[in-house]
PDB file of N, CA and C in Angstrom:
ATOM      1  N   MET A   1      -3.021  -7.811   2.282  1.00  0.00           N
ATOM      2  CA  MET A   1      -2.420  -7.429   0.982  1.00  0.00           C
ATOM      3  C   MET A   1      -3.221  -7.659  -0.108  1.00  0.00           C
ATOM      4  N   ILE A   2      -3.566  -6.551  -0.298  1.00  0.00           N
ATOM      5  CA  ILE A   2      -4.405  -7.926  -1.538  1.00  0.00           C
ATOM      6  C   ILE A   2      -3.328  -7.529  -2.967  1.00  0.00           C
ATOM      7  N   THR A   3      -4.100  -8.732  -3.863  1.00  0.00           N
ATOM      8  CA  THR A   3      -3.743  -9.264  -4.978  1.00  0.00           C
ATOM      9  C   THR A   3      -3.923  -8.590  -5.769  1.00  0.00           C
ATOM     10  N   ILE A   4      -3.335  -8.392  -6.852  1.00  0.00           N
ATOM     11  CA  ILE A   4      -4.225  -7.265  -7.567  1.00  0.00           C
ATOM     12  C   ILE A   4      -4.395  -8.243  -9.203  1.00  0.00           C
ATOM     13  N   THR A   5      -5.495  -9.369  -9.243  1.00  0.00           N
ATOM     14  CA  THR A   5      -5.767  -9.795 -10.171  1.00  0.00           C
ATOM     15  C   THR A   5      -6.000  -9.737 -11.797  1.00  0.00           C
ATOM     16  N   LYS A   6      -6.822  -8.363 -11.955  1.00  0.00           N
ATOM     17  CA  LYS A   6      -6.733  -7.230 -12.914  1.00  0.00           C
ATOM     18  C   LYS A   6      -6.489  -6.293 -13.481  1.00  0.00           C
ATOM     19  N   ASP A   7      -5.882  -6.274 -14.654  1.00  0.00           N
ATOM     20  CA  ASP A   7      -5.590  -4.554 -14.755  1.00  0.00           C
ATOM     21  C   ASP A   7      -6.611  -3.767 -14.289  1.00  0.00           C
ATOM     22  N   ASN A   8      -7.831  -3.995 -13.964  1.00  0.00           N
ATOM     23  CA  ASN A   8      -8.365  -2.811 -14.178  1.00  0.00           C
ATOM     24  C   ASN A   8      -8.801  -3.186 -12.835  1.00  0.00           C
ATOM     25  N   SER A   9      -8.609  -3.551 -11.668  1.00  0.00           N
ATOM     26  CA  SER A   9      -9.093  -4.064 -10.643  1.00  0.00           C
ATOM     27  C   SER A   9      -7.656  -3.029  -9.802  1.00  0.00           C
ATOM     28  N   PHE A  10      -6.845  -2.572 -10.421  1.00  0.00           N
ATOM     29  CA  PHE A  10      -5.984  -1.833 -10.066  1.00  0.00           C
ATOM     30  C   PHE A  10      -6.021  -0.305  -9.505  1.00  0.00           C
ATOM     31  N   GLU A  11      -7.539  -0.040 -10.887  1.00  0.00           N
ATOM     32  CA  GLU A  11      -8.199   0.959 -10.221  1.00  0.00           C
ATOM     33  C   GLU A  11      -8.864   1.714  -9.023  1.00  0.00           C
ATOM     34  N   GLU A  12      -9.327   0.719  -9.315  1.00  0.00           N
ATOM     35  CA  GLU A  12     -10.824   0.483  -8.630  1.00  0.00           C
ATOM     36  C   GLU A  12     -10.096   0.534  -6.635  1.00  0.00           C
ATOM     37  N   GLN A  13      -8.852  -0.348  -6.491  1.00  0.00           N
ATOM     38  CA  GLN A  13      -8.197  -0.567  -5.473  1.00  0.00           C
ATOM     39  C   GLN A  13      -7.495   1.266  -5.084  1.00  0.00           C
ATOM     40  N   ILE A  14      -6.607   1.962  -5.886  1.00  0.00           N
ATOM     41  CA  ILE A  14      -6.210   2.739  -5.683  1.00  0.00           C
ATOM     42  C   ILE A  14      -7.267   3.965  -5.187  1.00  0.00           C
ATOM     43  N   GLU A  15      -8.450   4.043  -5.521  1.00  0.00           N
ATOM     44  CA  GLU A  15      -9.742   5.339  -5.796  1.00  0.00           C
ATOM     45  C   GLU A  15      -9.818   5.207  -4.152  1.00  0.00           C
ATOM     46  N   ASN A  16      -9.895   6.521  -3.788  1.00  0.00           N
ATOM     47  CA  ASN A  16     -10.896   7.050  -2.301  1.00  0.00           C
ATOM     48  C   ASN A  16      -9.585   6.377  -0.956  1.00  0.00           C
ATOM     49  N   LYS A  17      -8.292   5.914  -1.435  1.00  0.00           N
ATOM     50  CA  LYS A  17      -8.018   5.541  -0.023  1.00  0.00           C
ATOM     51  C   LYS A  17      -6.299   5.545  -0.345  1.00  0.00           C
ATOM     52  N   ASP A  18      -5.656   5.974   0.242  1.00  0.00           N
ATOM     53  CA  ASP A  18      -3.920   5.688   0.769  1.00  0.00           C
ATOM     54  C   ASP A  18      -3.841   4.566   0.791  1.00  0.00           C
ATOM     55  N   ALA A  19      -2.510   4.342  -0.808  1.00  0.00           N
ATOM     56  CA  ALA A  19      -2.127   2.718  -0.666  1.00  0.00           C
ATOM     57  C   ALA A  19      -1.100   3.364  -1.158  1.00  0.00           C
ATOM     58  N   ILE A  20       0.099   1.731  -0.993  1.00  0.00           N
ATOM     59  CA  ILE A  20       0.923   1.752  -1.295  1.00  0.00           C
ATOM     60  C   ILE A  20       1.035   0.429  -2.326  1.00  0.00           C
ATOM     61  N   VAL A  21       1.721   0.185  -3.204  1.00  0.00           N
ATOM     62  CA  VAL A  21       1.502  -0.942  -4.745  1.00  0.00           C
ATOM     63  C   VAL A  21       2.771  -1.387  -4.364  1.00  0.00           C
ATOM     64  N   VAL A  22       3.050  -2.664  -4.128  1.00  0.00           N
ATOM     65  CA  VAL A  22       4.232  -3.386  -4.437  1.00  0.00           C
ATOM     66  C   VAL A  22       4.408  -4.302  -5.662  1.00  0.00           C
ATOM     67  N   PHE A  23       5.452  -3.978  -6.277  1.00  0.00           N
ATOM     68  CA  PHE A  23       5.577  -4.450  -7.821  1.00  0.00           C
ATOM     69  C   PHE A  23       6.309  -5.024  -7.360  1.00  0.00           C
ATOM     70  N   SER A  24       5.938  -6.773  -7.423  1.00  0.00           N
ATOM     71  CA  SER A  24       7.094  -7.727  -7.612  1.00  0.00           C
ATOM     72  C   SER A  24       6.866  -9.082  -8.379  1.00  0.00           C
ATOM     73  N   ALA A  25       7.688  -9.741  -8.023  1.00  0.00           N
ATOM     74  CA  ALA A  25       7.250 -11.475  -8.889  1.00  0.00           C
ATOM     75  C   ALA A  25       7.792 -12.664  -8.483  1.00  0.00           C
ATOM     76  N   ASP A  26       7.363 -13.900  -8.005  1.00  0.00           N
ATOM     77  CA  ASP A  26       8.151 -15.061  -7.705  1.00  0.00           C
ATOM     78  C   ASP A  26       9.584 -15.452  -7.437  1.00  0.00           C
ATOM     79  N   TRP A  27       9.498 -14.751  -8.894  1.00  0.00           N
ATOM     80  CA  TRP A  27      11.037 -15.671  -9.395  1.00  0.00           C
ATOM     81  C   TRP A  27      12.242 -14.826  -8.917  1.00  0.00           C
ATOM     82  N   CYS A  28      12.126 -13.424  -8.741  1.00  0.00           N
ATOM     83  CA  CYS A  28      13.069 -12.005  -8.589  1.00  0.00           C
ATOM     84  C   CYS A  28      13.710 -12.292  -6.521  1.00  0.00           C
ATOM     85  N   PRO A  29      14.639 -12.477  -6.519  1.00  0.00           N
ATOM     86  CA  PRO A  29      15.630 -13.430  -5.822  1.00  0.00           C
ATOM     87  C   PRO A  29      15.930 -11.693  -4.162  1.00  0.00           C
ATOM     88  N   ASP A  30      15.644 -10.824  -5.021  1.00  0.00           N
ATOM     89  CA  ASP A  30      15.158  -9.298  -4.168  1.00  0.00           C
ATOM     90  C   ASP A  30      14.010  -9.525  -3.648  1.00  0.00           C
ATOM     91  N   CYS A  31      13.302  -9.694  -4.793  1.00  0.00           N
ATOM     92  CA  CYS A  31      11.137  -9.982  -3.772  1.00  0.00           C
ATOM     93  C   CYS A  31      11.305 -11.274  -2.947  1.00  0.00           C
ATOM     94  N   VAL A  32      11.853 -12.029  -3.067  1.00  0.00           N
ATOM     95  CA  VAL A  32      11.620 -13.298  -2.043  1.00  0.00           C
ATOM     96  C   VAL A  32      12.815 -12.912  -0.651  1.00  0.00           C
ATOM     97  N   VAL A  33      13.385 -11.715  -0.763  1.00  0.00           N
ATOM     98  CA  VAL A  33      13.916 -11.587   0.594  1.00  0.00           C
ATOM     99  C   VAL A  33      13.293 -10.318   1.268  1.00  0.00           C
ATOM    100  N   ILE A  34      12.571  -9.415   1.114  1.00  0.00           N
ATOM    101  CA  ILE A  34      11.882  -8.728   1.375  1.00  0.00           C
ATOM    102  C   ILE A  34      10.576  -9.580   1.566  1.00  0.00           C
ATOM    103  N   LYS A  35       9.948 -10.656   0.733  1.00  0.00           N
ATOM    104  CA  LYS A  35       8.948 -11.010   1.652  1.00  0.00           C
ATOM    105  C   LYS A  35       8.458 -10.867   2.585  1.00  0.00           C
ATOM    106  N   PRO A  36       9.440 -11.879   3.310  1.00  0.00           N
ATOM    107  CA  PRO A  36       8.974 -12.284   4.856  1.00  0.00           C
ATOM    108  C   PRO A  36       8.816 -10.543   5.925  1.00  0.00           C
ATOM    109  N   ILE A  37       9.344  -9.636   5.113  1.00  0.00           N
ATOM    110  CA  ILE A  37       9.302  -8.258   6.241  1.00  0.00           C
ATOM    111  C   ILE A  37       7.623  -7.558   5.759  1.00  0.00           C
ATOM    112  N   LEU A  38       7.403  -7.974   4.337  1.00  0.00           N
ATOM    113  CA  LEU A  38       6.006  -6.717   4.245  1.00  0.00           C
ATOM    114  C   LEU A  38       4.964  -6.957   5.342  1.00  0.00           C
ATOM    115  N   PRO A  39       4.778  -8.312   5.352  1.00  0.00           N
ATOM    116  CA  PRO A  39       3.082  -8.051   6.915  1.00  0.00           C
ATOM    117  C   PRO A  39       4.135  -7.467   7.906  1.00  0.00           C
ATOM    118  N   GLU A  40       4.737  -7.514   8.312  1.00  0.00           N
ATOM    119  CA  GLU A  40       5.463  -6.803   9.318  1.00  0.00           C
ATOM    120  C   GLU A  40       5.318  -4.704   9.538  1.00  0.00           C
ATOM    121  N   ILE A  41       5.827  -4.585   8.037  1.00  0.00           N
ATOM    122  CA  ILE A  41       5.594  -3.393   7.703  1.00  0.00           C
ATOM    123  C   ILE A  41       4.113  -2.798   7.405  1.00  0.00           C
ATOM    124  N   GLU A  42       3.210  -3.999   6.381  1.00  0.00           N
ATOM    125  CA  GLU A  42       2.300  -3.714   6.494  1.00  0.00           C
ATOM    126  C   GLU A  42       1.027  -3.608   7.510  1.00  0.00           C
ATOM    127  N   GLN A  43       1.565  -4.119   9.122  1.00  0.00           N
ATOM    128  CA  GLN A  43       0.708  -4.078   9.957  1.00  0.00           C
ATOM    129  C   GLN A  43       1.519  -2.749  10.705  1.00  0.00           C
ATOM    130  N   LYS A  44       2.395  -1.992  10.778  1.00  0.00           N
ATOM    131  CA  LYS A  44       3.147  -0.847  11.208  1.00  0.00           C
ATOM    132  C   LYS A  44       2.492   0.543  10.542  1.00  0.00           C
ATOM    133  N   TYR A  45       1.983   0.404   9.238  1.00  0.00           N
ATOM    134  CA  TYR A  45       1.578   1.262   8.665  1.00  0.00           C
ATOM    135  C   TYR A  45       0.371   0.864   8.297  1.00  0.00           C
ATOM    136  N   SER A  46      -0.549   0.723   8.878  1.00  0.00           N
ATOM    137  CA  SER A  46      -2.169   0.016   8.261  1.00  0.00           C
ATOM    138  C   SER A  46      -2.922   1.049   8.662  1.00  0.00           C
ATOM    139  N   GLN A  47      -2.578   2.506   8.100  1.00  0.00           N
ATOM    140  CA  GLN A  47      -3.123   3.520   8.115  1.00  0.00           C
ATOM    141  C   GLN A  47      -3.520   3.735   6.672  1.00  0.00           C
ATOM    142  N   PHE A  48      -2.451   2.611   5.208  1.00  0.00           N
ATOM    143  CA  PHE A  48      -2.025   2.289   4.159  1.00  0.00           C
ATOM    144  C   PHE A  48      -2.773   1.076   3.366  1.00  0.00           C
ATOM    145  N   THR A  49      -3.620   1.133   2.275  1.00  0.00           N
ATOM    146  CA  THR A  49      -3.896  -0.043   2.524  1.00  0.00           C
ATOM    147  C   THR A  49      -3.054  -0.559   1.236  1.00  0.00           C
ATOM    148  N   PHE A  50      -2.347  -2.282   1.563  1.00  0.00           N
ATOM    149  CA  PHE A  50      -1.181  -2.484   0.562  1.00  0.00           C
ATOM    150  C   PHE A  50      -1.890  -3.355  -0.512  1.00  0.00           C
ATOM    151  N   LEU A  51      -1.326  -2.690  -2.092  1.00  0.00           N
ATOM    152  CA  LEU A  51      -1.583  -3.825  -2.910  1.00  0.00           C
ATOM    153  C   LEU A  51      -0.905  -4.878  -3.743  1.00  0.00           C
ATOM    154  N   TYR A  52      -0.487  -6.337  -3.886  1.00  0.00           N
ATOM    155  CA  TYR A  52       0.225  -6.856  -4.443  1.00  0.00           C
ATOM    156  C   TYR A  52       0.470  -6.316  -5.957  1.00  0.00           C
ATOM    157  N   VAL A  53       0.995  -6.283  -7.017  1.00  0.00           N
ATOM    158  CA  VAL A  53       1.436  -6.076  -8.419  1.00  0.00           C
ATOM    159  C   VAL A  53       2.275  -7.353  -8.887  1.00  0.00           C
ATOM    160  N   ASP A  54       1.417  -8.840  -9.423  1.00  0.00           N
ATOM    161  CA  ASP A  54       2.744  -9.308  -9.648  1.00  0.00           C
ATOM    162  C   ASP A  54       3.086  -9.096 -11.036  1.00  0.00           C
ATOM    163  N   ARG A  55       4.565  -8.862 -12.000  1.00  0.00           N
ATOM    164  CA  ARG A  55       5.165  -8.373 -12.485  1.00  0.00           C
ATOM    165  C   ARG A  55       4.576  -8.755 -13.817  1.00  0.00           C
ATOM    166  N   ASP A  56       4.704 -10.357 -14.424  1.00  0.00           N
ATOM    167  CA  ASP A  56       4.429 -11.126 -14.931  1.00  0.00           C
ATOM    168  C   ASP A  56       2.865 -11.061 -15.546  1.00  0.00           C
ATOM    169  N   GLU A  57       2.022 -10.664 -14.872  1.00  0.00           N
ATOM    170  CA  GLU A  57       0.355 -11.031 -14.392  1.00  0.00           C
ATOM    171  C   GLU A  57       0.660  -9.833 -15.570  1.00  0.00           C
ATOM    172  N   HIS A  58       1.032  -8.706 -15.174  1.00  0.00           N
ATOM    173  CA  HIS A  58       0.639  -7.464 -14.977  1.00  0.00           C
ATOM    174  C   HIS A  58       1.620  -6.819 -15.523  1.00  0.00           C
ATOM    175  N   LEU A  59       1.952  -6.878 -17.042  1.00  0.00           N
ATOM    176  CA  LEU A  59       3.499  -6.466 -17.642  1.00  0.00           C
ATOM    177  C   LEU A  59       2.687  -4.614 -18.034  1.00  0.00           C
ATOM    178  N   SER A  60       1.830  -4.725 -19.077  1.00  0.00           N
ATOM    179  CA  SER A  60       1.017  -3.159 -19.364  1.00  0.00           C
ATOM    180  C   SER A  60       0.958  -2.174 -18.282  1.00  0.00           C
ATOM    181  N   LEU A  61       1.112  -2.937 -16.817  1.00  0.00           N
ATOM    182  CA  LEU A  61       0.445  -1.718 -16.034  1.00  0.00           C
ATOM    183  C   LEU A  61       1.695  -1.454 -15.904  1.00  0.00           C
ATOM    184  N   CYS A  62       3.110  -2.435 -15.287  1.00  0.00           N
ATOM    185  CA  CYS A  62       4.026  -2.043 -15.310  1.00  0.00           C
ATOM    186  C   CYS A  62       4.512  -0.956 -15.974  1.00  0.00           C
ATOM    187  N   GLU A  63       4.541  -1.158 -17.524  1.00  0.00           N
ATOM    188  CA  GLU A  63       4.722  -0.269 -18.042  1.00  0.00           C
ATOM    189  C   GLU A  63       4.025   0.628 -18.099  1.00  0.00           C
ATOM    190  N   GLU A  64       2.245   1.066 -18.169  1.00  0.00           N
ATOM    191  CA  GLU A  64       1.524   2.483 -17.568  1.00  0.00           C
ATOM    192  C   GLU A  64       2.723   3.341 -16.455  1.00  0.00           C
ATOM    193  N   TYR A  65       3.168   2.673 -15.812  1.00  0.00           N
ATOM    194  CA  TYR A  65       3.887   2.999 -14.559  1.00  0.00           C
ATOM    195  C   TYR A  65       4.830   3.001 -14.856  1.00  0.00           C
ATOM    196  N   ALA A  66       5.908   2.999 -15.544  1.00  0.00           N
ATOM    197  CA  ALA A  66       7.336   2.736 -15.709  1.00  0.00           C
ATOM    198  C   ALA A  66       8.311   1.782 -14.969  1.00  0.00           C
ATOM    199  N   ILE A  67       8.086   0.908 -14.325  1.00  0.00           N
ATOM    200  CA  ILE A  67       8.351   0.195 -13.349  1.00  0.00           C
ATOM    201  C   ILE A  67       8.818  -0.992 -14.179  1.00  0.00           C
ATOM    202  N   PHE A  68      10.723  -0.960 -14.370  1.00  0.00           N
ATOM    203  CA  PHE A  68      11.474  -1.739 -15.138  1.00  0.00           C
ATOM    204  C   PHE A  68      12.868  -2.252 -13.879  1.00  0.00           C
ATOM    205  N   GLY A  69      12.551  -1.785 -12.659  1.00  0.00           N
ATOM    206  CA  GLY A  69      13.444  -2.352 -11.204  1.00  0.00           C
ATOM    207  C   GLY A  69      12.255  -3.345 -10.611  1.00  0.00           C
ATOM    208  N   ILE A  70      12.333  -4.592  -9.841  1.00  0.00           N
ATOM    209  CA  ILE A  70      11.182  -4.995  -8.954  1.00  0.00           C
ATOM    210  C   ILE A  70      12.480  -5.849  -8.229  1.00  0.00           C
ATOM    211  N   PRO A  71      11.942  -5.356  -6.619  1.00  0.00           N
ATOM    212  CA  PRO A  71      10.697  -5.065  -5.788  1.00  0.00           C
ATOM    213  C   PRO A  71      10.270  -3.320  -6.249  1.00  0.00           C
ATOM    214  N   SER A  72       9.528  -2.903  -6.558  1.00  0.00           N
ATOM    215  CA  SER A  72       9.503  -1.287  -6.748  1.00  0.00           C
ATOM    216  C   SER A  72       8.073  -1.238  -5.889  1.00  0.00           C
ATOM    217  N   PHE A  73       7.657   0.294  -5.971  1.00  0.00           N
ATOM    218  CA  PHE A  73       7.221   0.777  -4.796  1.00  0.00           C
ATOM    219  C   PHE A  73       6.146   2.543  -5.282  1.00  0.00           C
ATOM    220  N   ILE A  74       4.668   1.856  -5.225  1.00  0.00           N
ATOM    221  CA  ILE A  74       4.313   3.293  -5.518  1.00  0.00           C
ATOM    222  C   ILE A  74       3.376   3.765  -4.526  1.00  0.00           C
ATOM    223  N   ALA A  75       3.225   4.630  -3.949  1.00  0.00           N
ATOM    224  CA  ALA A  75       2.100   5.143  -3.424  1.00  0.00           C
ATOM    225  C   ALA A  75       0.860   6.155  -3.815  1.00  0.00           C
ATOM    226  N   PHE A  76      -0.010   6.147  -3.426  1.00  0.00           N
ATOM    227  CA  PHE A  76      -0.413   6.561  -4.133  1.00  0.00           C
ATOM    228  C   PHE A  76      -2.137   6.992  -3.121  1.00  0.00           C
ATOM    229  N   SER A  77      -2.762   8.460  -3.406  1.00  0.00           N
ATOM    230  CA  SER A  77      -3.910   9.042  -2.188  1.00  0.00           C
ATOM    231  C   SER A  77      -4.948   9.505  -2.879  1.00  0.00           C
ATOM    232  N   ASN A  78      -6.148   8.767  -2.619  1.00  0.00           N
ATOM    233  CA  ASN A  78      -7.305   8.439  -3.126  1.00  0.00           C
ATOM    234  C   ASN A  78      -7.307   8.554  -5.153  1.00  0.00           C
ATOM    235  N   GLY A  79      -6.018   8.023  -5.720  1.00  0.00           N
ATOM    236  CA  GLY A  79      -6.423   7.755  -7.253  1.00  0.00           C
ATOM    237  C   GLY A  79      -4.871   8.149  -7.803  1.00  0.00           C
ATOM    238  N   GLN A  80      -4.122   9.431  -7.449  1.00  0.00           N
ATOM    239  CA  GLN A  80      -3.030  10.170  -7.246  1.00  0.00           C
ATOM    240  C   GLN A  80      -1.739   9.573  -7.147  1.00  0.00           C
ATOM    241  N   GLU A  81      -0.603   9.628  -8.038  1.00  0.00           N
ATOM    242  CA  GLU A  81       0.379   9.334  -7.942  1.00  0.00           C
ATOM    243  C   GLU A  81       1.218  10.272  -6.767  1.00  0.00           C
ATOM    244  N   ILE A  82       1.954   9.716  -5.590  1.00  0.00           N
ATOM    245  CA  ILE A  82       1.987  10.813  -4.268  1.00  0.00           C
ATOM    246  C   ILE A  82       3.436  10.404  -4.592  1.00  0.00           C
ATOM    247  N   GLY A  83       4.319   9.480  -4.313  1.00  0.00           N
ATOM    248  CA  GLY A  83       5.633   8.782  -4.430  1.00  0.00           C
ATOM    249  C   GLY A  83       6.046   7.614  -4.903  1.00  0.00           C
ATOM    250  N   ARG A  84       7.168   6.984  -5.346  1.00  0.00           N
ATOM    251  CA  ARG A  84       7.594   6.341  -5.683  1.00  0.00           C
ATOM    252  C   ARG A  84       8.892   5.676  -4.683  1.00  0.00           C
ATOM    253  N   TYR A  85       8.843   4.483  -4.833  1.00  0.00           N
ATOM    254  CA  TYR A  85      10.638   3.987  -4.545  1.00  0.00           C
ATOM    255  C   TYR A  85      11.097   3.098  -5.717  1.00  0.00           C
ATOM    256  N   VAL A  86      12.097   3.265  -7.180  1.00  0.00           N
ATOM    257  CA  VAL A  86      10.763   2.686  -8.022  1.00  0.00           C
ATOM    258  C   VAL A  86      13.114   2.865  -8.592  1.00  0.00           C
ATOM    259  N   ASN A  87      14.058   1.158  -8.016  1.00  0.00           N
ATOM    260  CA  ASN A  87      15.038   1.521  -8.826  1.00  0.00           C
ATOM    261  C   ASN A  87      15.380  -0.202  -8.811  1.00  0.00           C
ATOM    262  N   LYS A  88      16.613  -0.360  -9.775  1.00  0.00           N
ATOM    263  CA  LYS A  88      16.988  -2.225  -9.586  1.00  0.00           C
ATOM    264  C   LYS A  88      17.490  -2.261  -8.064  1.00  0.00           C
ATOM    265  N   GLU A  89      17.799  -1.272  -7.106  1.00  0.00           N
ATOM    266  CA  GLU A  89      18.442  -2.221  -6.462  1.00  0.00           C
ATOM    267  C   GLU A  89      17.686  -3.185  -4.766  1.00  0.00           C
ATOM    268  N   ARG A  90      18.301  -3.988  -4.152  1.00  0.00           N
ATOM    269  CA  ARG A  90      18.209  -4.968  -3.050  1.00  0.00           C
ATOM    270  C   ARG A  90      17.400  -3.667  -2.244  1.00  0.00           C
ATOM    271  N   LYS A  91      15.793  -3.885  -2.038  1.00  0.00           N
ATOM    272  CA  LYS A  91      15.573  -2.843  -0.779  1.00  0.00           C
ATOM    273  C   LYS A  91      15.765  -3.168   0.815  1.00  0.00           C
ATOM    274  N   THR A  92      15.829  -1.917   1.569  1.00  0.00           N
ATOM    275  CA  THR A  92      15.700  -2.910   2.968  1.00  0.00           C
ATOM    276  C   THR A  92      14.617  -2.515   3.795  1.00  0.00           C
ATOM    277  N   LYS A  93      14.848  -3.227   4.798  1.00  0.00           N
ATOM    278  CA  LYS A  93      13.150  -2.990   5.343  1.00  0.00           C
ATOM    279  C   LYS A  93      12.837  -1.353   5.555  1.00  0.00           C
ATOM    280  N   GLU A  94      14.184  -1.056   6.218  1.00  0.00           N
ATOM    281  CA  GLU A  94      14.785   0.600   6.462  1.00  0.00           C
ATOM    282  C   GLU A  94      14.617   1.591   5.093  1.00  0.00           C
ATOM    283  N   GLN A  95      14.511   0.600   4.694  1.00  0.00           N
ATOM    284  CA  GLN A  95      14.862   1.624   3.022  1.00  0.00           C
ATOM    285  C   GLN A  95      13.075   2.087   2.576  1.00  0.00           C
ATOM    286  N   ILE A  96      12.898   0.626   3.198  1.00  0.00           N
ATOM    287  CA  ILE A  96      11.106   0.706   2.283  1.00  0.00           C
ATOM    288  C   ILE A  96       9.895   1.458   3.630  1.00  0.00           C
ATOM    289  N   GLU A  97      10.725   1.467   4.749  1.00  0.00           N
ATOM    290  CA  GLU A  97       9.410   2.299   5.985  1.00  0.00           C
ATOM    291  C   GLU A  97      10.224   3.577   6.588  1.00  0.00           C
ATOM    292  N   GLY A  98      11.616   4.486   5.203  1.00  0.00           N
ATOM    293  CA  GLY A  98      11.987   5.231   4.946  1.00  0.00           C
ATOM    294  C   GLY A  98      11.028   6.095   3.913  1.00  0.00           C
ATOM    295  N   PHE A  99      10.772   5.477   2.623  1.00  0.00           N
ATOM    296  CA  PHE A  99       9.961   5.761   1.692  1.00  0.00           C
ATOM    297  C   PHE A  99       8.375   5.804   2.692  1.00  0.00           C
ATOM    298  N   ILE A 100       7.882   5.227   2.961  1.00  0.00           N
ATOM    299  CA  ILE A 100       6.482   5.318   3.523  1.00  0.00           C
ATOM    300  C   ILE A 100       6.790   6.413   4.632  1.00  0.00           C
ATOM    301  N   GLU A 101       7.606   6.611   5.247  1.00  0.00           N
ATOM    302  CA  GLU A 101       7.967   7.892   6.802  1.00  0.00           C
ATOM    303  C   GLU A 101       7.511   8.980   5.188  1.00  0.00           C
ATOM    304  N   GLU A 102       8.364   9.113   4.312  1.00  0.00           N
ATOM    305  CA  GLU A 102       8.140  10.281   3.514  1.00  0.00           C
ATOM    306  C   GLU A 102       7.072  10.590   3.013  1.00  0.00           C
ATOM    307  N   ILE A 103       6.069   9.127   2.700  1.00  0.00           N
ATOM    308  CA  ILE A 103       4.755   9.760   1.967  1.00  0.00           C
ATOM    309  C   ILE A 103       4.139  10.739   3.064  1.00  0.00           C
ATOM    310  N   ILE A 104       3.531   9.575   4.083  1.00  0.00           N
ATOM    311  CA  ILE A 104       3.658  10.337   5.318  1.00  0.00           C
ATOM    312  C   ILE A 104       3.126  11.808   6.149  1.00  0.00           C
ATOM    313  N   GLY A 105       4.966  12.009   5.475  1.00  0.00           N
ATOM    314  CA  GLY A 105       5.175  13.700   5.736  1.00  0.00           C
ATOM    315  C   GLY A 105       4.035  14.354   4.599  1.00  0.00           C
ATOM    316  N   LYS A 106       4.303  13.749   3.549  1.00  0.00           N
ATOM    317  CA  LYS A 106       2.736  14.284   2.051  1.00  0.00           C
ATOM    318  C   LYS A 106       1.696  14.453   2.454  1.00  0.00           C
ATOM    319  N   LEU A 107       1.006  13.469   3.100  1.00  0.00           N
ATOM    320  CA  LEU A 107      -0.076  13.619   3.740  1.00  0.00           C
ATOM    321  C   LEU A 107      -0.078  14.493   5.100  1.00  0.00           C
ATOM    322  N   SER A 108       0.365  14.277   5.805  1.00  0.00           N
ATOM    323  CA  SER A 108       0.416  15.602   6.948  1.00  0.00           C
ATOM    324  C   SER A 108      -0.153  16.700   6.314  1.00  0.00           C
TER     325      SER A 108
END
């Protein structure tokens, strides 16, 4: 998973590829719960570039993409948003994979 370190590198990372962006924070209990399963999901869906955005370090990016609850996921294809899984609920592995499967259906 690539960690975004500057707001401007975000756009560079989503250009010309299919990407899943995870908005999260170290202090978030729901984010801590899914953190151990993310590498497994990343490996299963290796056709995507996975990006990590720390909500506290990139508040303006979160505002730009209307991220009000974490963890949240946005899918991009060639720099364009094609789907999002954004809400305040705790997410399960099955829910995250279901979201990614929906994205795969859109790309097919």
